[in-house]
Amino acid sequence: MTLAFVTILVYIINVPFGYWRRGEKRFSVNWFLAIHIPVIISVLLRYIFHIEFRWEYLLLFVFTFIAGQFTGKMIYVKKNITKLDKSE
């Protein structure tokens, strides 16, 4: 149960960071921070909830991290396409 909760939490945390990352210039300081701040948060959550290191869990968290970042990016793209459509 704890693993599922932390996995969902990692996904939710990564969505706004993916949104932020999409709006930044690639390889800029803010782009770098938008990727690495949630990594630190994810590690802290695993530590707080006493989730041991296992390769299966690492793969799960990497996939969840990427999915959250991608979802945030797609929200950014969708929102900005909608703004462009309304301005025409």
C-alpha atoms as a PDB file:
ATOM      1  CA  MET A   1       0.000   0.000   0.000  1.00  0.00           C
ATOM      2  CA  THR A   2       2.794   2.408   0.893  1.00  0.00           C
ATOM      3  CA  LEU A   3       4.606   1.742  -2.386  1.00  0.00           C
ATOM      4  CA  ALA A   4       1.460   2.534  -4.388  1.00  0.00           C
ATOM      5  CA  PHE A   5       0.859   5.716  -2.379  1.00  0.00           C
ATOM      6  CA  VAL A   6       4.426   6.980  -2.866  1.00  0.00           C
ATOM      7  CA  THR A   7       4.342   6.085  -6.569  1.00  0.00           C
ATOM      8  CA  ILE A   8       1.151   8.100  -7.073  1.00  0.00           C
ATOM      9  CA  LEU A   9       2.621  10.949  -5.040  1.00  0.00           C
ATOM     10  CA  VAL A  10       5.778  10.973  -7.188  1.00  0.00           C
ATOM     11  CA  TYR A  11       3.612  11.135 -10.318  1.00  0.00           C
ATOM     12  CA  ILE A  12       1.527  14.019  -8.949  1.00  0.00           C
ATOM     13  CA  ILE A  13       4.634  15.924  -7.849  1.00  0.00           C
ATOM     14  CA  ASN A  14       6.234  15.555 -11.283  1.00  0.00           C
ATOM     15  CA  VAL A  15       3.296  16.951 -13.271  1.00  0.00           C
ATOM     16  CA  PRO A  16       3.858  20.630 -12.336  1.00  0.00           C
ATOM     17  CA  PHE A  17       7.609  20.213 -12.753  1.00  0.00           C
ATOM     18  CA  GLY A  18       7.060  18.801 -16.256  1.00  0.00           C
ATOM     19  CA  TYR A  19       4.831  21.786 -17.002  1.00  0.00           C
ATOM     20  CA  TRP A  20       7.525  24.159 -15.747  1.00  0.00           C
ATOM     21  CA  ARG A  21      10.287  22.327 -17.650  1.00  0.00           C
ATOM     22  CA  ARG A  22       8.423  22.592 -20.970  1.00  0.00           C
ATOM     23  CA  GLY A  23       8.289  26.370 -20.684  1.00  0.00           C
ATOM     24  CA  GLU A  24      12.033  26.741 -20.132  1.00  0.00           C
ATOM     25  CA  LYS A  25      14.917  26.859 -22.574  1.00  0.00           C
ATOM     26  CA  ARG A  26      16.538  23.450 -22.892  1.00  0.00           C
ATOM     27  CA  PHE A  27      19.616  22.959 -20.677  1.00  0.00           C
ATOM     28  CA  SER A  28      19.039  26.240 -18.832  1.00  0.00           C
ATOM     29  CA  VAL A  29      19.303  26.428 -15.042  1.00  0.00           C
ATOM     30  CA  ASN A  30      15.508  26.372 -14.629  1.00  0.00           C
ATOM     31  CA  TRP A  31      15.198  23.410 -17.001  1.00  0.00           C
ATOM     32  CA  PHE A  32      17.831  21.569 -14.957  1.00  0.00           C
ATOM     33  CA  LEU A  33      16.043  22.412 -11.694  1.00  0.00           C
ATOM     34  CA  ALA A  34      12.668  21.279 -13.058  1.00  0.00           C
ATOM     35  CA  ILE A  35      14.164  17.851 -13.648  1.00  0.00           C
ATOM     36  CA  HIS A  36      16.316  17.450 -10.540  1.00  0.00           C
ATOM     37  CA  ILE A  37      14.198  18.954  -7.747  1.00  0.00           C
ATOM     38  CA  PRO A  38      11.556  16.207  -8.058  1.00  0.00           C
ATOM     39  CA  VAL A  39      14.323  13.580  -8.018  1.00  0.00           C
ATOM     40  CA  ILE A  40      15.393  14.837  -4.597  1.00  0.00           C
ATOM     41  CA  ILE A  41      11.766  14.892  -3.436  1.00  0.00           C
ATOM     42  CA  SER A  42      11.258  11.327  -4.692  1.00  0.00           C
ATOM     43  CA  VAL A  43      14.328  10.068  -2.850  1.00  0.00           C
ATOM     44  CA  LEU A  44      13.187  11.822   0.330  1.00  0.00           C
ATOM     45  CA  LEU A  45       9.712  10.278   0.037  1.00  0.00           C
ATOM     46  CA  ARG A  46      11.219   6.823  -0.349  1.00  0.00           C
ATOM     47  CA  TYR A  47      13.365   7.470   2.699  1.00  0.00           C
ATOM     48  CA  ILE A  48      10.488   8.860   4.798  1.00  0.00           C
ATOM     49  CA  PHE A  49       8.223   5.911   3.960  1.00  0.00           C
ATOM     50  CA  HIS A  50      11.034   3.362   4.468  1.00  0.00           C
ATOM     51  CA  ILE A  51      10.901   1.968   0.955  1.00  0.00           C
ATOM     52  CA  GLU A  52      13.995  -0.148   0.509  1.00  0.00           C
ATOM     53  CA  PHE A  53      16.153  -0.048  -2.596  1.00  0.00           C
ATOM     54  CA  ARG A  54      15.237  -2.692  -5.139  1.00  0.00           C
ATOM     55  CA  TRP A  55      15.897  -2.569  -8.867  1.00  0.00           C
ATOM     56  CA  GLU A  56      12.212  -3.198  -9.558  1.00  0.00           C
ATOM     57  CA  TYR A  57      11.279  -0.190  -7.463  1.00  0.00           C
ATOM     58  CA  LEU A  58      13.897   1.943  -9.176  1.00  0.00           C
ATOM     59  CA  LEU A  59      12.415   1.091 -12.565  1.00  0.00           C
ATOM     60  CA  LEU A  60       8.929   1.819 -11.244  1.00  0.00           C
ATOM     61  CA  PHE A  61       9.957   5.228  -9.920  1.00  0.00           C
ATOM     62  CA  VAL A  62      11.869   6.142 -13.095  1.00  0.00           C
ATOM     63  CA  PHE A  63       8.830   5.242 -15.204  1.00  0.00           C
ATOM     64  CA  THR A  64       6.535   7.192 -12.856  1.00  0.00           C
ATOM     65  CA  PHE A  65       8.894  10.173 -12.932  1.00  0.00           C
ATOM     66  CA  ILE A  66       8.963  10.215 -16.741  1.00  0.00           C
ATOM     67  CA  ALA A  67       5.175   9.785 -16.960  1.00  0.00           C
ATOM     68  CA  GLY A  68       4.593  12.735 -14.613  1.00  0.00           C
ATOM     69  CA  GLN A  69       7.040  14.943 -16.497  1.00  0.00           C
ATOM     70  CA  PHE A  70       5.450  13.968 -19.817  1.00  0.00           C
ATOM     71  CA  THR A  71       1.933  14.658 -18.523  1.00  0.00           C
ATOM     72  CA  GLY A  72       2.993  18.112 -17.326  1.00  0.00           C
ATOM     73  CA  LYS A  73       4.591  18.825 -20.691  1.00  0.00           C
ATOM     74  CA  MET A  74       1.435  17.790 -22.546  1.00  0.00           C
ATOM     75  CA  ILE A  75      -0.718  20.011 -20.320  1.00  0.00           C
ATOM     76  CA  TYR A  76       1.596  22.929 -21.158  1.00  0.00           C
ATOM     77  CA  VAL A  77       1.387  22.203 -24.888  1.00  0.00           C
ATOM     78  CA  LYS A  78      -2.405  21.789 -24.805  1.00  0.00           C
ATOM     79  CA  LYS A  79      -2.867  25.004 -22.825  1.00  0.00           C
ATOM     80  CA  ASN A  80      -0.689  27.021 -25.188  1.00  0.00           C
ATOM     81  CA  ILE A  81      -2.315  25.602 -28.319  1.00  0.00           C
ATOM     82  CA  THR A  82      -5.700  26.615 -26.877  1.00  0.00           C
ATOM     83  CA  LYS A  83      -4.384  30.149 -26.265  1.00  0.00           C
ATOM     84  CA  LEU A  84      -3.175  30.376 -29.862  1.00  0.00           C
ATOM     85  CA  ASP A  85      -6.547  29.191 -31.191  1.00  0.00           C
ATOM     86  CA  LYS A  86      -8.425  31.803 -29.142  1.00  0.00           C
ATOM     87  CA  SER A  87      -6.175  34.653 -30.289  1.00  0.00           C
ATOM     88  CA  GLU A  88      -6.844  34.006 -33.981  1.00  0.00           C
END
